[in-house]
Protein backbone atom coordinates (compact mmCIF):
# COMPACT_ATOMS: atom_id res chain seq x y z
CA MET A 1 0.86 12.32 25.80
CA LYS A 2 3.68 9.86 24.11
CA VAL A 3 3.05 7.47 21.96
CA LEU A 4 5.63 4.70 20.37
CA LEU A 5 4.71 3.42 16.76
CA VAL A 6 6.56 0.49 15.54
CA THR A 7 6.69 -0.08 12.28
CA MET A 8 8.91 -2.42 9.48
CA TYR A 9 8.80 0.46 6.68
CA PHE A 10 10.30 3.72 7.05
CA PRO A 11 12.88 5.69 5.89
CA PRO A 12 15.18 5.01 4.05
CA ALA A 13 13.13 1.79 2.90
CA GLY A 14 10.90 3.19 -0.13
CA GLY A 15 7.71 1.92 -1.76
CA GLY A 16 4.55 2.47 -1.11
CA GLY A 17 4.22 0.94 2.64
CA VAL A 18 6.24 3.95 4.26
CA GLN A 19 3.52 6.30 4.00
CA ARG A 20 1.26 5.97 6.27
CA PRO A 21 3.71 5.01 9.11
CA LEU A 22 5.87 8.12 8.10
CA LYS A 23 2.77 10.54 7.45
CA PHE A 24 1.76 9.39 11.53
CA ALA A 25 5.04 10.41 12.79
CA THR A 26 5.04 13.45 10.60
CA HIS A 27 1.35 14.81 11.60
CA LEU A 28 1.51 13.54 15.38
CA PRO A 29 3.90 15.80 16.75
CA SER A 30 2.03 18.65 15.39
CA LEU A 31 -0.92 17.83 17.49
CA GLY A 32 0.43 17.59 20.58
CA ILE A 33 1.62 13.60 20.97
CA GLU A 34 5.05 12.71 21.63
CA THR A 35 5.94 10.67 18.84
CA HIS A 36 8.33 7.85 19.11
CA VAL A 37 8.95 5.44 16.44
CA LEU A 38 10.74 1.70 16.61
CA ALA A 39 11.83 0.59 13.10
CA PRO A 40 14.36 -1.79 11.91
CA ASP A 41 18.42 -0.59 11.38
CA ASP A 42 18.10 -1.88 7.97
CA PRO A 43 14.86 -4.16 6.72
CA LYS A 44 16.34 -5.32 3.54
CA TRP A 45 13.84 -4.24 1.70
CA ILE A 46 13.86 -4.23 -2.25
CA HIS A 47 13.31 -0.56 -2.86
CA ARG A 48 15.13 2.06 -0.97
CA ASP A 49 14.75 5.87 -1.06
CA ASP A 50 17.27 8.17 0.17
CA GLU A 51 15.00 11.13 -0.79
CA LEU A 52 12.37 10.76 1.57
CA GLN A 53 13.03 12.47 4.86
CA ALA A 54 12.38 10.75 8.64
CA PRO A 55 10.16 13.76 10.61
CA THR A 56 12.15 16.29 12.59
CA LEU A 57 9.97 16.14 15.47
CA ALA A 58 9.55 12.46 16.06
CA TRP A 59 12.27 10.70 17.90
CA VAL A 60 13.30 7.81 15.80
CA HIS A 61 14.94 4.22 17.53
CA ARG A 62 16.25 1.60 15.64
CA ALA A 63 15.97 -2.47 16.64
CA ARG A 64 19.02 -4.59 14.52
CA TYR A 65 16.82 -6.14 11.86
CA LEU A 66 17.88 -10.20 11.87
CA GLY A 67 15.83 -11.89 8.90
CA PRO A 68 16.03 -12.46 5.33
CA LYS A 69 16.01 -9.68 2.77
CA GLY A 70 13.37 -8.99 0.36
CA ARG A 71 13.17 -10.58 -2.16
CA LYS A 72 11.31 -11.10 -5.80
CA PRO A 73 10.34 -14.88 -5.67
CA ALA A 74 8.31 -14.78 -9.18
CA GLU A 75 11.67 -13.10 -10.93
CA GLU A 76 14.42 -15.28 -9.18
CA LEU A 77 12.61 -18.39 -10.54
CA HIS A 78 11.89 -16.90 -14.05
CA GLY A 79 13.31 -18.92 -16.98
CA THR A 80 15.13 -21.36 -14.89
CA GLN A 81 14.83 -24.85 -15.21
CA GLY A 82 15.69 -28.51 -13.82
CA LEU A 83 18.21 -28.19 -11.23
CA GLU A 84 18.68 -24.53 -11.34
CA ARG A 85 15.28 -24.47 -10.69
CA ILE A 86 15.46 -26.57 -7.84
CA GLY A 87 18.28 -24.91 -6.25
CA VAL A 88 16.54 -21.77 -6.77
CA GLN A 89 13.40 -22.89 -4.96
CA ALA A 90 15.52 -24.47 -2.12
CA ARG A 91 17.10 -21.15 -1.36
CA LEU A 92 13.60 -19.88 -1.16
CA ALA A 93 11.98 -22.28 0.89
CA GLY A 94 13.21 -21.17 4.34
CA ARG A 95 11.17 -17.81 4.17
CA ARG A 96 8.38 -19.25 2.90
CA LEU A 97 8.80 -21.44 6.33
CA LEU A 98 8.53 -18.89 8.81
CA VAL A 99 5.21 -18.07 10.23
CA PRO A 100 3.14 -15.87 9.76
CA ASP A 101 5.60 -13.73 7.61
CA GLU A 102 9.32 -13.77 6.84
CA ASN A 103 9.93 -10.64 8.90
CA VAL A 104 9.06 -12.63 12.31
CA SER A 105 12.26 -12.83 13.24
CA TRP A 106 12.76 -9.18 14.10
CA ASN A 107 10.66 -9.80 17.14
CA LEU A 108 13.74 -10.99 18.54
CA THR A 109 15.34 -7.50 18.83
CA ALA A 110 12.36 -5.45 18.40
CA ILE A 111 10.15 -6.70 21.38
CA PRO A 112 12.97 -5.93 24.01
CA THR A 113 13.85 -2.71 22.41
CA ALA A 114 10.23 -1.75 22.53
CA ILE A 115 9.82 -2.47 26.04
CA ARG A 116 13.14 -0.67 27.10
CA ILE A 117 11.79 2.47 24.99
CA VAL A 118 8.23 2.03 26.90
CA ARG A 119 9.89 2.28 30.19
CA ARG A 120 12.58 4.50 29.73
CA GLU A 121 10.44 7.34 27.87
CA GLY A 122 7.28 7.04 29.85
CA ILE A 123 4.97 5.85 26.82
CA ASP A 124 1.26 6.14 27.28
CA VAL A 125 0.15 4.03 24.08
CA VAL A 126 2.54 1.35 21.55
CA LEU A 127 1.12 1.57 17.89
CA THR A 128 2.06 -1.46 15.30
CA THR A 129 1.03 -1.07 11.97
CA SER A 130 1.32 -4.38 9.42
CA PRO A 131 2.01 -5.36 7.10
CA PRO A 132 3.84 -7.66 7.98
CA SER A 133 1.43 -8.90 10.36
CA SER A 134 4.23 -10.15 12.68
CA VAL A 135 4.67 -6.83 13.70
CA HIS A 136 1.64 -6.99 16.03
CA LEU A 137 3.29 -9.23 18.29
CA VAL A 138 5.30 -6.70 19.34
CA GLY A 139 2.59 -4.77 20.31
CA ALA A 140 0.95 -7.70 22.38
CA ALA A 141 4.79 -8.18 24.34
CA VAL A 142 4.78 -4.87 25.18
CA LYS A 143 1.25 -4.83 26.75
CA ARG A 144 1.58 -7.63 28.76
CA ALA A 145 4.82 -6.39 29.60
CA THR A 146 4.30 -3.46 30.75
CA GLY A 147 0.50 -2.88 30.88
CA ILE A 148 0.22 0.34 28.73
CA PRO A 149 -2.75 0.19 25.65
CA TRP A 150 -1.72 -1.17 22.28
CA VAL A 151 -3.69 -0.15 19.04
CA ALA A 152 -3.10 -2.42 15.91
CA ASP A 153 -2.99 -0.02 12.72
CA LEU A 154 -4.11 -3.12 9.62
CA ARG A 155 -3.10 -1.35 6.41
CA ASP A 156 -3.86 -4.50 4.67
CA SER A 157 -5.94 -7.41 5.70
CA ILE A 158 -4.23 -10.13 7.94
CA VAL A 159 -6.39 -13.15 6.60
CA ALA A 160 -7.95 -12.50 2.95
CA HIS A 161 -5.11 -10.37 1.56
CA PRO A 162 -6.23 -9.87 -2.33
CA HIS A 163 -3.15 -10.21 -4.12
CA ARG A 164 -2.08 -13.76 -2.72
CA HIS A 165 -2.82 -16.64 -4.36
CA ALA A 166 -5.35 -18.23 -2.07
CA GLU A 167 -5.98 -21.31 -4.10
CA ARG A 168 -2.50 -22.40 -3.69
CA LEU A 169 -1.95 -25.08 -0.66
CA LEU A 170 0.96 -23.52 0.53
CA VAL A 171 -0.62 -20.00 0.49
CA ARG A 172 -3.66 -21.67 2.53
CA ALA A 173 -1.46 -23.56 5.02
CA LYS A 174 0.91 -19.91 5.33
CA GLU A 175 -2.41 -17.91 6.24
CA GLN A 176 -3.28 -20.30 8.87
CA GLY A 177 -0.64 -18.55 10.95
CA GLU A 178 -2.23 -15.25 9.87
CA HIS A 179 -5.17 -16.50 11.48
CA ALA A 180 -3.56 -16.57 15.11
CA VAL A 181 -1.96 -13.08 14.37
CA ALA A 182 -5.95 -11.68 14.04
CA LYS A 183 -6.92 -14.07 16.96
CA LEU A 184 -4.16 -12.51 18.92
CA VAL A 185 -4.85 -8.82 17.76
CA ALA A 186 -8.81 -9.18 18.55
CA ARG A 187 -8.48 -10.81 21.61
CA ASN A 188 -5.80 -8.32 23.31
CA ALA A 189 -5.15 -5.06 21.24
CA SER A 190 -6.97 -2.10 23.44
CA ALA A 191 -8.50 -0.60 19.99
CA ILE A 192 -8.19 -1.85 16.07
CA VAL A 193 -8.01 0.79 13.15
CA THR A 194 -7.97 -0.34 9.73
CA VAL A 195 -7.93 1.36 6.37
CA SER A 196 -11.35 0.26 5.20
CA ASP A 197 -14.42 -0.64 6.51
CA ALA A 198 -14.01 -4.29 4.52
CA ILE A 199 -11.51 -4.95 7.00
CA THR A 200 -12.96 -3.31 10.00
CA GLU A 201 -16.21 -5.68 9.37
CA GLU A 202 -13.74 -8.68 8.93
CA LEU A 203 -12.19 -7.56 12.27
CA ARG A 204 -15.50 -7.01 14.19
CA LYS A 205 -16.72 -10.50 12.97
CA ARG A 206 -13.63 -11.49 15.32
CA ASN A 207 -15.46 -10.32 18.60
CA PRO A 208 -12.48 -7.87 19.26
CA ARG A 209 -12.21 -6.71 23.04
CA GLY A 210 -12.01 -3.11 22.16
CA PRO A 211 -13.52 -0.94 19.36
CA VAL A 212 -12.42 -1.15 15.70
CA GLU A 213 -12.49 1.82 13.80
CA THR A 214 -11.76 2.54 10.13
CA ILE A 215 -9.17 5.17 9.65
CA ALA A 216 -8.48 5.31 5.53
CA ASN A 217 -5.51 6.52 4.08
CA GLY A 218 -5.44 10.05 3.09
CA SER A 219 -4.27 12.46 0.32
CA ASP A 220 -1.09 14.69 0.64
CA PHE A 221 -1.84 17.46 -1.38
CA ASP A 222 1.36 19.27 -0.11
CA ASP A 223 3.27 16.92 -1.68
CA PHE A 224 2.22 17.88 -5.26
CA ILE A 225 3.34 21.53 -4.36
CA GLY A 226 5.38 22.73 -7.48
CA LEU A 227 4.69 19.64 -9.69
CA GLU A 228 3.14 20.68 -13.34
CA HIS A 229 1.21 19.14 -15.89
CA ARG A 230 2.64 19.62 -19.17
CA PRO A 231 0.77 19.34 -22.31
CA SER A 232 2.56 16.27 -24.75
CA ASP A 233 1.43 15.14 -28.09
CA ARG A 234 0.29 11.98 -26.67
CA PHE A 235 -2.31 10.82 -24.26
CA ARG A 236 -0.04 9.30 -21.17
CA ILE A 237 -1.65 6.78 -18.81
CA THR A 238 0.52 6.22 -16.06
CA HIS A 239 0.51 3.57 -13.61
CA ALA A 240 2.59 3.76 -10.27
CA GLY A 241 3.28 0.65 -8.72
CA SER A 242 4.70 -2.67 -8.98
CA PHE A 243 3.09 -6.08 -9.76
CA PHE A 244 2.89 -9.41 -7.67
CA GLY A 245 0.40 -11.80 -6.68
CA LYS A 246 -2.59 -11.08 -8.36
CA ARG A 247 -1.68 -7.63 -9.84
CA ASP A 248 -2.14 -8.07 -13.24
CA PRO A 249 -1.54 -5.78 -16.37
CA ARG A 250 -2.94 -7.96 -19.27
CA PRO A 251 -6.69 -7.24 -19.38
CA PHE A 252 -5.64 -3.60 -19.53
CA LEU A 253 -3.02 -4.15 -22.05
CA THR A 254 -5.39 -6.28 -24.20
CA ALA A 255 -7.94 -3.51 -24.24
CA LEU A 256 -5.22 -0.87 -24.85
CA ALA A 257 -4.34 -3.05 -28.18
CA GLN A 258 -8.07 -2.96 -28.88
CA THR A 259 -8.15 0.50 -29.10
CA GLY A 260 -6.23 0.93 -32.26
CA LEU A 261 -4.78 4.52 -31.08
CA GLY A 262 -1.23 4.56 -31.64
CA ASP A 263 -0.84 8.15 -29.93
CA ILE A 264 -1.56 6.57 -26.48
CA VAL A 265 1.34 5.56 -24.13
CA ALA A 266 0.87 3.60 -21.07
CA ARG A 267 3.75 3.89 -18.81
CA PHE A 268 4.18 1.69 -15.98
CA LEU A 269 6.45 2.91 -12.99
CA GLY A 270 7.88 0.09 -10.61
CA ASP A 271 8.28 -3.34 -10.87
CA PHE A 272 7.11 -5.08 -13.90
CA ARG A 273 7.39 -8.64 -13.84
CA SER A 274 9.43 -10.39 -16.49
CA THR A 275 6.43 -13.13 -17.63
CA ASP A 276 4.39 -9.75 -18.04
CA ARG A 277 7.10 -7.85 -19.73
CA GLU A 278 7.60 -11.25 -22.53
CA TRP A 279 3.88 -10.98 -22.88
CA ALA A 280 3.54 -7.47 -23.62
CA GLU A 281 6.37 -7.68 -25.87
CA ALA A 282 4.17 -10.49 -28.03
CA GLN A 283 1.40 -8.06 -28.57
CA SER A 284 3.49 -5.81 -30.31
CA LEU A 285 2.74 -2.72 -28.73
CA GLY A 286 5.34 -0.85 -29.61
CA ASP A 287 6.40 2.73 -28.22
CA ARG A 288 2.41 2.34 -26.67
CA LEU A 289 3.97 0.71 -23.09
CA GLU A 290 6.70 2.33 -21.71
CA LEU A 291 8.52 0.25 -18.62
CA ILE A 292 9.67 3.18 -16.03
CA PRO A 293 11.92 1.28 -13.27
CA TYR A 294 11.28 1.93 -9.57
CA ALA A 295 12.13 5.40 -8.73
CA PRO A 296 11.77 7.74 -5.42
CA ARG A 297 8.28 8.91 -4.42
CA ARG A 298 9.37 12.18 -5.72
CA ARG A 299 9.72 11.18 -9.14
CA SER A 300 6.55 9.04 -8.89
CA LEU A 301 4.66 12.03 -8.04
CA GLU A 302 6.50 14.24 -11.04
CA LEU A 303 5.25 11.51 -13.38
CA GLN A 304 1.56 11.11 -11.98
CA ARG A 305 1.06 14.95 -12.46
CA ASP A 306 2.33 15.07 -15.70
CA SER A 307 0.02 12.78 -17.11
CA GLU A 308 -3.21 13.11 -18.99
CA ALA A 309 -4.93 10.04 -17.17
CA LEU A 310 -3.78 7.53 -14.12
CA LEU A 311 -4.63 4.30 -13.64
CA LEU A 312 -5.90 2.01 -11.15
CA LEU A 313 -5.89 -1.50 -11.02
CA ILE A 314 -7.34 -3.72 -8.61
CA PRO A 315 -8.30 -7.32 -8.93
CA ASP A 316 -11.45 -8.84 -7.65
CA ALA A 317 -9.50 -11.58 -6.39
CA GLY A 318 -12.63 -13.65 -5.46
CA GLY A 319 -13.97 -11.03 -3.82
CA ARG A 320 -11.09 -10.16 -1.57
CA GLY A 321 -10.33 -7.09 -3.71
CA ARG A 322 -13.38 -5.26 -3.03
CA GLY A 323 -12.52 -3.99 0.16
CA VAL A 324 -9.03 -2.68 -0.86
CA LEU A 325 -8.72 1.20 -0.44
CA SER A 326 -4.94 1.67 -0.62
CA GLY A 327 -3.10 4.64 -0.26
CA LYS A 328 -2.23 4.88 -4.20
CA VAL A 329 -6.20 5.85 -4.59
CA PHE A 330 -5.64 8.83 -2.13
CA GLU A 331 -2.41 9.55 -3.92
CA TYR A 332 -4.18 9.50 -7.21
CA LEU A 333 -6.92 11.86 -6.23
CA ALA A 334 -4.37 14.21 -5.03
CA ALA A 335 -2.34 13.95 -8.28
CA GLU A 336 -5.90 15.47 -9.81
CA ARG A 337 -5.87 14.01 -13.19
CA PRO A 338 -8.34 11.79 -14.39
CA ILE A 339 -8.29 8.40 -12.95
CA LEU A 340 -9.05 5.17 -15.25
CA ALA A 341 -10.21 2.64 -11.94
CA VAL A 342 -10.16 -0.83 -13.37
CA VAL A 343 -11.67 -2.24 -10.53
CA PRO A 344 -14.40 -4.03 -8.88
CA PRO A 345 -17.09 -1.76 -9.48
CA ASP A 346 -18.75 -2.51 -6.33
CA GLY A 347 -15.86 -1.95 -4.33
CA ALA A 348 -14.46 0.54 -2.06
CA ALA A 349 -12.26 2.22 -4.50
CA ALA A 350 -14.87 2.21 -7.22
CA GLU A 351 -17.47 4.15 -4.20
CA LEU A 352 -14.46 6.83 -3.64
CA ILE A 353 -13.55 7.69 -7.30
CA GLN A 354 -17.51 7.86 -8.48
CA ALA A 355 -18.07 9.97 -5.03
CA ALA A 356 -15.63 12.41 -5.76
CA ASP A 357 -16.34 12.66 -9.35
CA ALA A 358 -12.55 11.84 -9.83
CA GLY A 359 -12.41 9.63 -12.94
CA VAL A 360 -14.32 6.32 -14.68
CA VAL A 361 -14.96 2.89 -13.12
CA VAL A 362 -14.69 -0.25 -15.40
CA ALA A 363 -14.93 -4.19 -13.97
CA PRO A 364 -11.43 -5.89 -14.19
CA ASP A 365 -13.03 -8.11 -16.71
CA ASP A 366 -14.32 -6.34 -19.30
CA LEU A 367 -12.13 -5.59 -21.70
CA ASP A 368 -14.43 -3.98 -23.96
CA GLY A 369 -15.37 -1.41 -21.15
CA ILE A 370 -12.01 -0.84 -20.52
CA ALA A 371 -10.96 -0.22 -24.27
CA SER A 372 -14.29 2.06 -24.62
CA ALA A 373 -13.38 4.44 -21.39
CA LEU A 374 -9.89 4.48 -22.95
CA ARG A 375 -11.32 5.87 -26.13
CA ASP A 376 -13.78 8.44 -24.37
CA LEU A 377 -10.67 9.61 -22.12
CA HIS A 378 -8.54 10.23 -25.69
CA THR A 379 -11.28 11.87 -27.32
CA GLN A 380 -11.77 14.07 -24.50
CA TRP A 381 -7.97 15.19 -24.81
CA ARG A 382 -8.35 15.64 -28.21
CA ASN A 383 -10.78 18.03 -28.26
CA GLY A 384 -9.17 19.86 -25.47
CA ALA A 385 -11.80 19.30 -22.85
CA LEU A 386 -9.77 16.74 -20.26
CA ALA A 387 -9.35 18.74 -17.59
CA ASP A 388 -8.10 18.18 -13.98
CA THR A 389 -10.21 16.53 -11.35
CA SER A 390 -9.84 19.30 -8.83
CA LEU A 391 -11.55 18.38 -5.79
CA SER A 392 -13.66 20.99 -3.60
CA GLU A 393 -12.29 22.26 -0.53
CA GLU A 394 -15.14 20.23 1.42
CA TRP A 395 -13.64 17.05 -0.60
CA ARG A 396 -9.74 18.29 0.25
CA THR A 397 -10.32 18.29 3.96
CA LYS A 398 -12.35 15.34 4.05
CA VAL A 399 -9.77 12.98 2.66
CA SER A 400 -6.65 14.66 3.39
CA ARG A 401 -3.95 12.82 5.63
CA ARG A 402 -3.79 15.57 8.49
CA THR A 403 -7.61 14.50 8.92
CA ARG A 404 -7.29 11.19 9.30
CA VAL A 405 -4.22 11.81 11.76
CA GLU A 406 -6.61 14.00 13.86
CA GLU A 407 -9.01 10.73 14.04
CA LEU A 408 -6.02 8.32 15.37
CA ALA A 409 -4.98 11.52 17.48
CA ARG A 410 -8.52 11.48 19.11
CA LEU A 411 -8.40 7.50 19.24
CA LEU A 412 -5.22 7.85 21.37
CA GLU A 413 -5.86 10.23 23.62
CA ARG A 414 -8.79 8.20 24.72
CA LEU A 415 -6.66 5.15 25.49
CA ALA A 416 -3.78 6.84 27.04
């Protein structure tokens, strides 16, 4: 059978959002499925990773990207005032008016390109993966034009994203466009795949016409082969990932200051907001805080493995954070270092980490609990008792990326 995977994020674009579609395109061909990928020629994304290689067994097609470039609105507005601030806001207004998201104009080239590929290559199933949610418009158009099944893959909730400022009027208004996409997916997709049970239940409440299945992200253990953990005279706890929206490093950094331990260094790899950096400088953390700019994925994996512990931050966000089970959780599991999970204790990430015995869970607003957990990890390290969190073979098979892609392959074969 033949599948067309439509994704906004694909090498040479960088960042966490690339990995799921990239691994789909890597493993599906080895399972006997001819895989074609449609991605932008240049998504103008804020991160680029030239070290990432496109899979050699998949056919990669490109459609010209016509949308605005990726931006960091909070950074562009930081430190501005008066007329300068008004000018920046005006430049940002256009992208904010695009519904359901700023990438929607890619459909002008992606839809006709996808239809041509389906007809020319004899594609059996089209698979669209979001974010951005506007990519699902391609799947709906292809199904309408060609009649082949369409599978919608949701890496985030369409209507209840945990990192959005849902309390803002403009954000709530723009989410109405996301509700329209969710309705389109529910009514037209032949099947829906999500990364967590919470998103699955969200879609099932919309009475979808096809099945909705959870196929979580997976752990790429092979990606850590050859990466070593070297003993250090400092306790290094590393957070990999950028900060935006509701993501907040301040509770953890406040707890770090409370510990009074001078040989802990918190390493944050990725985009760190200027406002958070200025706040951190006022806390007199000194060399206990290390900010590392965005780096290629290989460097990120090296830093994760060469850490005493890993830091996972998921906000509660009015309950929206409970269903988050991002690819970062599985990447941390593959790194096999103890995880300090500052996440909703009754959420999906907490459940997985506790079941795998891979770390300790603390609520995002429990500063004393975070400080206590840090001290405990630090004590174990000082006593030489902080070991790798190696998973059993059963667990490695259960959470491996290949296992998850096999689940997807079985779904695709049922539809073709």
